[in-house]
Amino acid sequence: CRDGFDEATREGLSHHRSSYLPLRFDCVRDDGSVYSSN
């Protein structure tokens, strides 16, 4: 969730969620917004 992302994207990063079906590794910010790590 940190590597390869700018500071504005990582701002407020609180935790992550992962899933194997469907595949995903999502990064969650304090405000509830989500971005994909890949």
PDB file of all heavy atoms in Angstrom:
ATOM      1  N   CYS A   1       0.816  -1.218   0.000  1.00  0.00           N
ATOM      2  CA  CYS A   1       0.000   0.000   0.000  1.00  0.00           C
ATOM      3  C   CYS A   1       0.846   1.263   0.000  1.00  0.00           C
ATOM      4  O   CYS A   1       0.332   2.350  -0.257  1.00  0.00           O
ATOM      5  CB  CYS A   1      -0.931   0.014   1.211  1.00  0.00           C
ATOM      6  SG  CYS A   1      -2.203  -1.249   1.167  1.00  0.00           S
ATOM      7  N   ARG A   2       2.126   1.148   0.320  1.00  0.00           N
ATOM      8  CA  ARG A   2       3.003   2.320   0.406  1.00  0.00           C
ATOM      9  C   ARG A   2       3.936   2.434  -0.780  1.00  0.00           C
ATOM     10  O   ARG A   2       4.130   3.517  -1.320  1.00  0.00           O
ATOM     11  CB  ARG A   2       3.850   2.252   1.675  1.00  0.00           C
ATOM     12  CG  ARG A   2       3.067   2.419   2.942  1.00  0.00           C
ATOM     13  CD  ARG A   2       3.963   2.321   4.139  1.00  0.00           C
ATOM     14  NE  ARG A   2       4.458   0.943   4.238  1.00  0.00           N
ATOM     15  CZ  ARG A   2       5.702   0.616   4.579  1.00  0.00           C
ATOM     16  NH1 ARG A   2       6.583   1.525   4.846  1.00  0.00           N
ATOM     17  NH2 ARG A   2       6.066  -0.643   4.651  1.00  0.00           N
ATOM     18  N   ASP A   3       4.546   1.346  -1.176  1.00  0.00           N
ATOM     19  CA  ASP A   3       5.589   1.366  -2.200  1.00  0.00           C
ATOM     20  C   ASP A   3       5.008   1.723  -3.564  1.00  0.00           C
ATOM     21  O   ASP A   3       4.061   1.110  -4.042  1.00  0.00           O
ATOM     22  CB  ASP A   3       6.293   0.012  -2.276  1.00  0.00           C
ATOM     23  CG  ASP A   3       6.983  -0.361  -0.972  1.00  0.00           C
ATOM     24  OD1 ASP A   3       7.178   0.541  -0.133  1.00  0.00           O
ATOM     25  OD2 ASP A   3       7.305  -1.550  -0.791  1.00  0.00           O
ATOM     26  N   GLY A   4       5.599   2.730  -4.180  1.00  0.00           N
ATOM     27  CA  GLY A   4       5.190   3.131  -5.515  1.00  0.00           C
ATOM     28  C   GLY A   4       4.044   4.130  -5.568  1.00  0.00           C
ATOM     29  O   GLY A   4       3.590   4.481  -6.650  1.00  0.00           O
ATOM     30  N   PHE A   5       3.556   4.574  -4.420  1.00  0.00           N
ATOM     31  CA  PHE A   5       2.460   5.543  -4.381  1.00  0.00           C
ATOM     32  C   PHE A   5       2.979   6.866  -3.833  1.00  0.00           C
ATOM     33  O   PHE A   5       3.833   6.894  -2.952  1.00  0.00           O
ATOM     34  CB  PHE A   5       1.309   5.037  -3.500  1.00  0.00           C
ATOM     35  CG  PHE A   5       0.624   3.829  -4.063  1.00  0.00           C
ATOM     36  CD1 PHE A   5       0.911   2.564  -3.578  1.00  0.00           C
ATOM     37  CD2 PHE A   5      -0.303   3.947  -5.086  1.00  0.00           C
ATOM     38  CE1 PHE A   5       0.289   1.440  -4.091  1.00  0.00           C
ATOM     39  CE2 PHE A   5      -0.929   2.832  -5.606  1.00  0.00           C
ATOM     40  CZ  PHE A   5      -0.629   1.579  -5.112  1.00  0.00           C
ATOM     41  N   ASP A   6       2.424   7.964  -4.330  1.00  0.00           N
ATOM     42  CA  ASP A   6       2.846   9.276  -3.836  1.00  0.00           C
ATOM     43  C   ASP A   6       2.238   9.542  -2.460  1.00  0.00           C
ATOM     44  O   ASP A   6       1.343   8.833  -2.003  1.00  0.00           O
ATOM     45  CB  ASP A   6       2.489  10.384  -4.823  1.00  0.00           C
ATOM     46  CG  ASP A   6       1.001  10.479  -5.092  1.00  0.00           C
ATOM     47  OD1 ASP A   6       0.227   9.730  -4.474  1.00  0.00           O
ATOM     48  OD2 ASP A   6       0.622  11.318  -5.924  1.00  0.00           O
ATOM     49  N   GLU A   7       2.747  10.559  -1.810  1.00  0.00           N
ATOM     50  CA  GLU A   7       2.325  10.889  -0.439  1.00  0.00           C
ATOM     51  C   GLU A   7       0.838  11.218  -0.370  1.00  0.00           C
ATOM     52  O   GLU A   7       0.161  10.856   0.591  1.00  0.00           O
ATOM     53  CB  GLU A   7       3.160  12.052   0.101  1.00  0.00           C
ATOM     54  CG  GLU A   7       2.888  12.378   1.557  1.00  0.00           C
ATOM     55  CD  GLU A   7       3.194  11.220   2.495  1.00  0.00           C
ATOM     56  OE1 GLU A   7       4.170  10.498   2.267  1.00  0.00           O
ATOM     57  OE2 GLU A   7       2.423  11.027   3.468  1.00  0.00           O
ATOM     58  N   ALA A   8       0.306  11.897  -1.383  1.00  0.00           N
ATOM     59  CA  ALA A   8      -1.114  12.258  -1.374  1.00  0.00           C
ATOM     60  C   ALA A   8      -2.002  11.010  -1.406  1.00  0.00           C
ATOM     61  O   ALA A   8      -3.054  10.970  -0.763  1.00  0.00           O
ATOM     62  CB  ALA A   8      -1.435  13.153  -2.573  1.00  0.00           C
ATOM     63  N   THR A   9      -1.588  10.009  -2.135  1.00  0.00           N
ATOM     64  CA  THR A   9      -2.362   8.761  -2.203  1.00  0.00           C
ATOM     65  C   THR A   9      -2.306   8.022  -0.877  1.00  0.00           C
ATOM     66  O   THR A   9      -3.312   7.500  -0.404  1.00  0.00           O
ATOM     67  CB  THR A   9      -1.820   7.856  -3.328  1.00  0.00           C
ATOM     68  OG1 THR A   9      -1.866   8.573  -4.557  1.00  0.00           O
ATOM     69  CG2 THR A   9      -2.634   6.592  -3.456  1.00  0.00           C
ATOM     70  N   ARG A  10      -1.138   7.988  -0.259  1.00  0.00           N
ATOM     71  CA  ARG A  10      -0.959   7.250   1.001  1.00  0.00           C
ATOM     72  C   ARG A  10      -1.494   7.984   2.212  1.00  0.00           C
ATOM     73  O   ARG A  10      -1.607   7.391   3.283  1.00  0.00           O
ATOM     74  CB  ARG A  10       0.523   6.971   1.221  1.00  0.00           C
ATOM     75  CG  ARG A  10       1.134   6.062   0.208  1.00  0.00           C
ATOM     76  CD  ARG A  10       2.555   5.758   0.558  1.00  0.00           C
ATOM     77  NE  ARG A  10       3.286   6.966   0.927  1.00  0.00           N
ATOM     78  CZ  ARG A  10       4.482   7.292   0.495  1.00  0.00           C
ATOM     79  NH1 ARG A  10       5.114   6.516  -0.320  1.00  0.00           N
ATOM     80  NH2 ARG A  10       5.076   8.400   0.892  1.00  0.00           N
ATOM     81  N   GLU A  11      -1.849   9.235   2.064  1.00  0.00           N
ATOM     82  CA  GLU A  11      -2.275  10.042   3.204  1.00  0.00           C
ATOM     83  C   GLU A  11      -3.506   9.437   3.868  1.00  0.00           C
ATOM     84  O   GLU A  11      -4.495   9.119   3.222  1.00  0.00           O
ATOM     85  CB  GLU A  11      -2.593  11.468   2.750  1.00  0.00           C
ATOM     86  CG  GLU A  11      -2.836  12.408   3.906  1.00  0.00           C
ATOM     87  CD  GLU A  11      -2.975  13.842   3.424  1.00  0.00           C
ATOM     88  OE1 GLU A  11      -2.298  14.208   2.448  1.00  0.00           O
ATOM     89  OE2 GLU A  11      -3.758  14.570   4.026  1.00  0.00           O
ATOM     90  N   GLY A  12      -3.437   9.251   5.183  1.00  0.00           N
ATOM     91  CA  GLY A  12      -4.553   8.703   5.952  1.00  0.00           C
ATOM     92  C   GLY A  12      -4.700   7.204   5.853  1.00  0.00           C
ATOM     93  O   GLY A  12      -5.729   6.650   6.250  1.00  0.00           O
ATOM     94  N   LEU A  13      -3.688   6.507   5.363  1.00  0.00           N
ATOM     95  CA  LEU A  13      -3.745   5.056   5.221  1.00  0.00           C
ATOM     96  C   LEU A  13      -3.906   4.403   6.594  1.00  0.00           C
ATOM     97  O   LEU A  13      -3.140   4.672   7.508  1.00  0.00           O
ATOM     98  CB  LEU A  13      -2.471   4.561   4.534  1.00  0.00           C
ATOM     99  CG  LEU A  13      -2.369   3.084   4.222  1.00  0.00           C
ATOM    100  CD1 LEU A  13      -3.488   2.662   3.271  1.00  0.00           C
ATOM    101  CD2 LEU A  13      -1.022   2.786   3.590  1.00  0.00           C
ATOM    102  N   SER A  14      -4.930   3.579   6.747  1.00  0.00           N
ATOM    103  CA  SER A  14      -5.169   2.984   8.060  1.00  0.00           C
ATOM    104  C   SER A  14      -4.976   1.470   8.081  1.00  0.00           C
ATOM    105  O   SER A  14      -4.402   0.934   9.017  1.00  0.00           O
ATOM    106  CB  SER A  14      -6.584   3.319   8.544  1.00  0.00           C
ATOM    107  OG  SER A  14      -7.551   2.735   7.696  1.00  0.00           O
ATOM    108  N   HIS A  15      -5.449   0.769   7.070  1.00  0.00           N
ATOM    109  CA  HIS A  15      -5.314  -0.689   7.047  1.00  0.00           C
ATOM    110  C   HIS A  15      -5.516  -1.187   5.616  1.00  0.00           C
ATOM    111  O   HIS A  15      -5.661  -0.397   4.693  1.00  0.00           O
ATOM    112  CB  HIS A  15      -6.301  -1.358   8.015  1.00  0.00           C
ATOM    113  CG  HIS A  15      -7.737  -1.146   7.677  1.00  0.00           C
ATOM    114  ND1 HIS A  15      -8.411   0.032   7.929  1.00  0.00           N
ATOM    115  CD2 HIS A  15      -8.639  -1.973   7.090  1.00  0.00           C
ATOM    116  CE1 HIS A  15      -9.658  -0.076   7.527  1.00  0.00           C
ATOM    117  NE2 HIS A  15      -9.825  -1.280   7.007  1.00  0.00           N
ATOM    118  N   HIS A  16      -5.544  -2.500   5.458  1.00  0.00           N
ATOM    119  CA  HIS A  16      -5.762  -3.091   4.136  1.00  0.00           C
ATOM    120  C   HIS A  16      -6.799  -4.206   4.237  1.00  0.00           C
ATOM    121  O   HIS A  16      -7.092  -4.708   5.326  1.00  0.00           O
ATOM    122  CB  HIS A  16      -4.453  -3.642   3.557  1.00  0.00           C
ATOM    123  CG  HIS A  16      -3.984  -4.885   4.246  1.00  0.00           C
ATOM    124  ND1 HIS A  16      -3.215  -4.834   5.386  1.00  0.00           N
ATOM    125  CD2 HIS A  16      -4.182  -6.188   3.979  1.00  0.00           C
ATOM    126  CE1 HIS A  16      -2.943  -6.060   5.780  1.00  0.00           C
ATOM    127  NE2 HIS A  16      -3.523  -6.909   4.951  1.00  0.00           N
ATOM    128  N   ARG A  17      -7.348  -4.572   3.085  1.00  0.00           N
ATOM    129  CA  ARG A  17      -8.259  -5.721   2.966  1.00  0.00           C
ATOM    130  C   ARG A  17      -7.764  -6.556   1.802  1.00  0.00           C
ATOM    131  O   ARG A  17      -7.406  -6.023   0.754  1.00  0.00           O
ATOM    132  CB  ARG A  17      -9.688  -5.270   2.654  1.00  0.00           C
ATOM    133  CG  ARG A  17     -10.361  -4.510   3.745  1.00  0.00           C
ATOM    134  CD  ARG A  17     -11.813  -4.255   3.397  1.00  0.00           C
ATOM    135  NE  ARG A  17     -11.913  -3.491   2.146  1.00  0.00           N
ATOM    136  CZ  ARG A  17     -12.678  -2.431   1.975  1.00  0.00           C
ATOM    137  NH1 ARG A  17     -13.430  -1.989   2.959  1.00  0.00           N
ATOM    138  NH2 ARG A  17     -12.730  -1.809   0.824  1.00  0.00           N
ATOM    139  N   SER A  18      -7.766  -7.859   1.987  1.00  0.00           N
ATOM    140  CA  SER A  18      -7.350  -8.727   0.886  1.00  0.00           C
ATOM    141  C   SER A  18      -8.415  -9.778   0.636  1.00  0.00           C
ATOM    142  O   SER A  18      -9.231 -10.081   1.510  1.00  0.00           O
ATOM    143  CB  SER A  18      -6.009  -9.392   1.207  1.00  0.00           C
ATOM    144  OG  SER A  18      -6.128 -10.192   2.356  1.00  0.00           O
ATOM    145  N   SER A  19      -8.391 -10.305  -0.569  1.00  0.00           N
ATOM    146  CA  SER A  19      -9.348 -11.338  -0.967  1.00  0.00           C
ATOM    147  C   SER A  19      -8.672 -12.234  -1.992  1.00  0.00           C
ATOM    148  O   SER A  19      -7.877 -11.774  -2.812  1.00  0.00           O
ATOM    149  CB  SER A  19     -10.596 -10.683  -1.566  1.00  0.00           C
ATOM    150  OG  SER A  19     -11.433 -11.653  -2.141  1.00  0.00           O
ATOM    151  N   TYR A  20      -9.011 -13.511  -1.931  1.00  0.00           N
ATOM    152  CA  TYR A  20      -8.452 -14.464  -2.884  1.00  0.00           C
ATOM    153  C   TYR A  20      -9.427 -14.796  -4.001  1.00  0.00           C
ATOM    154  O   TYR A  20      -9.035 -15.341  -5.020  1.00  0.00           O
ATOM    155  CB  TYR A  20      -8.015 -15.740  -2.161  1.00  0.00           C
ATOM    156  CG  TYR A  20      -6.969 -15.451  -1.117  1.00  0.00           C
ATOM    157  CD1 TYR A  20      -7.256 -15.543   0.230  1.00  0.00           C
ATOM    158  CD2 TYR A  20      -5.701 -15.036  -1.486  1.00  0.00           C
ATOM    159  CE1 TYR A  20      -6.300 -15.243   1.185  1.00  0.00           C
ATOM    160  CE2 TYR A  20      -4.742 -14.736  -0.538  1.00  0.00           C
ATOM    161  CZ  TYR A  20      -5.046 -14.847   0.793  1.00  0.00           C
ATOM    162  OH  TYR A  20      -4.103 -14.548   1.734  1.00  0.00           O
ATOM    163  N   LEU A  21     -10.698 -14.494  -3.807  1.00  0.00           N
ATOM    164  CA  LEU A  21     -11.698 -14.701  -4.851  1.00  0.00           C
ATOM    165  C   LEU A  21     -12.751 -13.634  -4.714  1.00  0.00           C
ATOM    166  O   LEU A  21     -13.602 -13.752  -3.832  1.00  0.00           O
ATOM    167  CB  LEU A  21     -12.316 -16.103  -4.745  1.00  0.00           C
ATOM    168  CG  LEU A  21     -13.083 -16.577  -5.958  1.00  0.00           C
ATOM    169  CD1 LEU A  21     -12.186 -16.626  -7.177  1.00  0.00           C
ATOM    170  CD2 LEU A  21     -13.677 -17.936  -5.720  1.00  0.00           C
ATOM    171  N   PRO A  22     -12.766 -12.595  -5.453  1.00  0.00           N
ATOM    172  CA  PRO A  22     -11.807 -12.236  -6.491  1.00  0.00           C
ATOM    173  C   PRO A  22     -10.491 -11.767  -5.878  1.00  0.00           C
ATOM    174  O   PRO A  22     -10.443 -11.355  -4.721  1.00  0.00           O
ATOM    175  CB  PRO A  22     -12.498 -11.090  -7.230  1.00  0.00           C
ATOM    176  CG  PRO A  22     -13.374 -10.448  -6.203  1.00  0.00           C
ATOM    177  CD  PRO A  22     -13.820 -11.567  -5.306  1.00  0.00           C
ATOM    178  N   LEU A  23      -9.460 -11.810  -6.683  1.00  0.00           N
ATOM    179  CA  LEU A  23      -8.141 -11.390  -6.222  1.00  0.00           C
ATOM    180  C   LEU A  23      -8.125  -9.885  -5.989  1.00  0.00           C
ATOM    181  O   LEU A  23      -8.561  -9.114  -6.846  1.00  0.00           O
ATOM    182  CB  LEU A  23      -7.090 -11.727  -7.280  1.00  0.00           C
ATOM    183  CG  LEU A  23      -6.876 -13.200  -7.557  1.00  0.00           C
ATOM    184  CD1 LEU A  23      -6.037 -13.368  -8.812  1.00  0.00           C
ATOM    185  CD2 LEU A  23      -6.218 -13.870  -6.377  1.00  0.00           C
ATOM    186  N   ARG A  24      -7.651  -9.492  -4.808  1.00  0.00           N
ATOM    187  CA  ARG A  24      -7.475  -8.060  -4.556  1.00  0.00           C
ATOM    188  C   ARG A  24      -6.695  -7.857  -3.268  1.00  0.00           C
ATOM    189  O   ARG A  24      -6.700  -8.705  -2.385  1.00  0.00           O
ATOM    190  CB  ARG A  24      -8.796  -7.326  -4.516  1.00  0.00           C
ATOM    191  CG  ARG A  24      -9.639  -7.593  -3.307  1.00  0.00           C
ATOM    192  CD  ARG A  24     -10.854  -6.668  -3.301  1.00  0.00           C
ATOM    193  NE  ARG A  24     -11.417  -6.692  -1.986  1.00  0.00           N
ATOM    194  CZ  ARG A  24     -12.669  -6.986  -1.723  1.00  0.00           C
ATOM    195  NH1 ARG A  24     -13.498  -7.258  -2.686  1.00  0.00           N
ATOM    196  NH2 ARG A  24     -13.098  -6.971  -0.484  1.00  0.00           N
ATOM    197  N   PHE A  25      -6.028  -6.739  -3.217  1.00  0.00           N
ATOM    198  CA  PHE A  25      -5.336  -6.290  -2.012  1.00  0.00           C
ATOM    199  C   PHE A  25      -5.586  -4.791  -1.973  1.00  0.00           C
ATOM    200  O   PHE A  25      -4.900  -4.002  -2.631  1.00  0.00           O
ATOM    201  CB  PHE A  25      -3.836  -6.605  -2.080  1.00  0.00           C
ATOM    202  CG  PHE A  25      -3.150  -6.458  -0.759  1.00  0.00           C
ATOM    203  CD1 PHE A  25      -3.120  -7.512   0.129  1.00  0.00           C
ATOM    204  CD2 PHE A  25      -2.530  -5.274  -0.407  1.00  0.00           C
ATOM    205  CE1 PHE A  25      -2.486  -7.390   1.359  1.00  0.00           C
ATOM    206  CE2 PHE A  25      -1.890  -5.138   0.810  1.00  0.00           C
ATOM    207  CZ  PHE A  25      -1.870  -6.200   1.694  1.00  0.00           C
ATOM    208  N   ASP A  26      -6.627  -4.394  -1.244  1.00  0.00           N
ATOM    209  CA  ASP A  26      -7.067  -3.004  -1.202  1.00  0.00           C
ATOM    210  C   ASP A  26      -6.499  -2.294   0.016  1.00  0.00           C
ATOM    211  O   ASP A  26      -6.416  -2.860   1.109  1.00  0.00           O
ATOM    212  CB  ASP A  26      -8.594  -2.918  -1.153  1.00  0.00           C
ATOM    213  CG  ASP A  26      -9.238  -3.415  -2.426  1.00  0.00           C
ATOM    214  OD1 ASP A  26      -8.584  -3.372  -3.481  1.00  0.00           O
ATOM    215  OD2 ASP A  26     -10.400  -3.850  -2.365  1.00  0.00           O
ATOM    216  N   CYS A  27      -6.155  -1.039  -0.184  1.00  0.00           N
ATOM    217  CA  CYS A  27      -5.634  -0.190   0.876  1.00  0.00           C
ATOM    218  C   CYS A  27      -6.746   0.768   1.299  1.00  0.00           C
ATOM    219  O   CYS A  27      -7.360   1.422   0.460  1.00  0.00           O
ATOM    220  CB  CYS A  27      -4.435   0.586   0.361  1.00  0.00           C
ATOM    221  SG  CYS A  27      -3.186  -0.495  -0.392  1.00  0.00           S
ATOM    222  N   VAL A  28      -7.007   0.841   2.599  1.00  0.00           N
ATOM    223  CA  VAL A  28      -8.127   1.626   3.119  1.00  0.00           C
ATOM    224  C   VAL A  28      -7.588   2.820   3.906  1.00  0.00           C
ATOM    225  O   VAL A  28      -6.715   2.671   4.755  1.00  0.00           O
ATOM    226  CB  VAL A  28      -9.024   0.752   4.025  1.00  0.00           C
ATOM    227  CG1 VAL A  28     -10.227   1.535   4.508  1.00  0.00           C
ATOM    228  CG2 VAL A  28      -9.454  -0.519   3.303  1.00  0.00           C
ATOM    229  N   ARG A  29      -8.152   3.989   3.612  1.00  0.00           N
ATOM    230  CA  ARG A  29      -7.784   5.217   4.324  1.00  0.00           C
ATOM    231  C   ARG A  29      -8.729   5.425   5.506  1.00  0.00           C
ATOM    232  O   ARG A  29      -9.777   4.776   5.611  1.00  0.00           O
ATOM    233  CB  ARG A  29      -7.874   6.411   3.377  1.00  0.00           C
ATOM    234  CG  ARG A  29      -6.888   6.374   2.247  1.00  0.00           C
ATOM    235  CD  ARG A  29      -6.989   7.659   1.425  1.00  0.00           C
ATOM    236  NE  ARG A  29      -6.229   7.568   0.211  1.00  0.00           N
ATOM    237  CZ  ARG A  29      -6.769   7.321  -0.991  1.00  0.00           C
ATOM    238  NH1 ARG A  29      -8.060   7.169  -1.128  1.00  0.00           N
ATOM    239  NH2 ARG A  29      -5.998   7.261  -2.061  1.00  0.00           N
ATOM    240  N   ASP A  30      -8.387   6.359   6.375  1.00  0.00           N
ATOM    241  CA  ASP A  30      -9.199   6.670   7.555  1.00  0.00           C
ATOM    242  C   ASP A  30     -10.615   7.098   7.189  1.00  0.00           C
ATOM    243  O   ASP A  30     -11.561   6.800   7.914  1.00  0.00           O
ATOM    244  CB  ASP A  30      -8.548   7.793   8.379  1.00  0.00           C
ATOM    245  CG  ASP A  30      -7.269   7.333   9.046  1.00  0.00           C
ATOM    246  OD1 ASP A  30      -7.177   6.139   9.394  1.00  0.00           O
ATOM    247  OD2 ASP A  30      -6.363   8.170   9.222  1.00  0.00           O
ATOM    248  N   ASP A  31     -10.772   7.785   6.062  1.00  0.00           N
ATOM    249  CA  ASP A  31     -12.104   8.262   5.663  1.00  0.00           C
ATOM    250  C   ASP A  31     -12.948   7.180   4.983  1.00  0.00           C
ATOM    251  O   ASP A  31     -14.072   7.425   4.578  1.00  0.00           O
ATOM    252  CB  ASP A  31     -11.985   9.482   4.745  1.00  0.00           C
ATOM    253  CG  ASP A  31     -11.275   9.181   3.434  1.00  0.00           C
ATOM    254  OD1 ASP A  31     -10.878   8.019   3.200  1.00  0.00           O
ATOM    255  OD2 ASP A  31     -11.110  10.135   2.638  1.00  0.00           O
ATOM    256  N   GLY A  32     -12.420   5.973   4.836  1.00  0.00           N
ATOM    257  CA  GLY A  32     -13.160   4.863   4.241  1.00  0.00           C
ATOM    258  C   GLY A  32     -12.924   4.678   2.759  1.00  0.00           C
ATOM    259  O   GLY A  32     -13.379   3.698   2.172  1.00  0.00           O
ATOM    260  N   SER A  33     -12.213   5.625   2.131  1.00  0.00           N
ATOM    261  CA  SER A  33     -11.919   5.465   0.705  1.00  0.00           C
ATOM    262  C   SER A  33     -10.872   4.367   0.521  1.00  0.00           C
ATOM    263  O   SER A  33     -10.083   4.077   1.413  1.00  0.00           O
ATOM    264  CB  SER A  33     -11.457   6.789   0.098  1.00  0.00           C
ATOM    265  OG  SER A  33     -10.279   7.226   0.730  1.00  0.00           O
ATOM    266  N   VAL A  34     -10.909   3.765  -0.656  1.00  0.00           N
ATOM    267  CA  VAL A  34     -10.086   2.589  -0.922  1.00  0.00           C
ATOM    268  C   VAL A  34      -9.324   2.793  -2.230  1.00  0.00           C
ATOM    269  O   VAL A  34      -9.855   3.374  -3.182  1.00  0.00           O
ATOM    270  CB  VAL A  34     -10.977   1.328  -1.039  1.00  0.00           C
ATOM    271  CG1 VAL A  34     -10.169   0.111  -1.411  1.00  0.00           C
ATOM    272  CG2 VAL A  34     -11.734   1.089   0.250  1.00  0.00           C
ATOM    273  N   TYR A  35      -8.101   2.306  -2.284  1.00  0.00           N
ATOM    274  CA  TYR A  35      -7.369   2.226  -3.549  1.00  0.00           C
ATOM    275  C   TYR A  35      -6.687   0.874  -3.621  1.00  0.00           C
ATOM    276  O   TYR A  35      -6.350   0.261  -2.617  1.00  0.00           O
ATOM    277  CB  TYR A  35      -6.379   3.387  -3.719  1.00  0.00           C
ATOM    278  CG  TYR A  35      -5.230   3.422  -2.737  1.00  0.00           C
ATOM    279  CD1 TYR A  35      -4.010   2.833  -3.049  1.00  0.00           C
ATOM    280  CD2 TYR A  35      -5.352   4.066  -1.511  1.00  0.00           C
ATOM    281  CE1 TYR A  35      -2.951   2.876  -2.165  1.00  0.00           C
ATOM    282  CE2 TYR A  35      -4.300   4.118  -0.630  1.00  0.00           C
ATOM    283  CZ  TYR A  35      -3.103   3.516  -0.957  1.00  0.00           C
ATOM    284  OH  TYR A  35      -2.060   3.560  -0.084  1.00  0.00           O
ATOM    285  N   SER A  36      -6.539   0.365  -4.838  1.00  0.00           N
ATOM    286  CA  SER A  36      -5.935  -0.955  -5.044  1.00  0.00           C
ATOM    287  C   SER A  36      -4.425  -0.840  -4.996  1.00  0.00           C
ATOM    288  O   SER A  36      -3.833   0.090  -5.544  1.00  0.00           O
ATOM    289  CB  SER A  36      -6.365  -1.520  -6.394  1.00  0.00           C
ATOM    290  OG  SER A  36      -5.740  -2.766  -6.618  1.00  0.00           O
ATOM    291  N   SER A  37      -3.805  -1.815  -4.355  1.00  0.00           N
ATOM    292  CA  SER A  37      -2.347  -1.809  -4.287  1.00  0.00           C
ATOM    293  C   SER A  37      -1.734  -2.191  -5.634  1.00  0.00           C
ATOM    294  O   SER A  37      -0.589  -1.879  -5.900  1.00  0.00           O
ATOM    295  CB  SER A  37      -1.862  -2.777  -3.217  1.00  0.00           C
ATOM    296  OG  SER A  37      -2.155  -4.110  -3.591  1.00  0.00           O
ATOM    297  N   ASN A  38      -2.512  -2.861  -6.472  1.00  0.00           N
ATOM    298  CA  ASN A  38      -2.013  -3.298  -7.771  1.00  0.00           C
ATOM    299  C   ASN A  38      -3.181  -3.338  -8.756  1.00  0.00           C
ATOM    300  O   ASN A  38      -4.058  -4.185  -8.632  1.00  0.00           O
ATOM    301  CB  ASN A  38      -1.378  -4.681  -7.651  1.00  0.00           C
ATOM    302  CG  ASN A  38      -0.677  -5.123  -8.909  1.00  0.00           C
ATOM    303  OD1 ASN A  38      -0.847  -4.545  -9.974  1.00  0.00           O
ATOM    304  ND2 ASN A  38       0.121  -6.165  -8.792  1.00  0.00           N
TER     305      ASN A  38
END
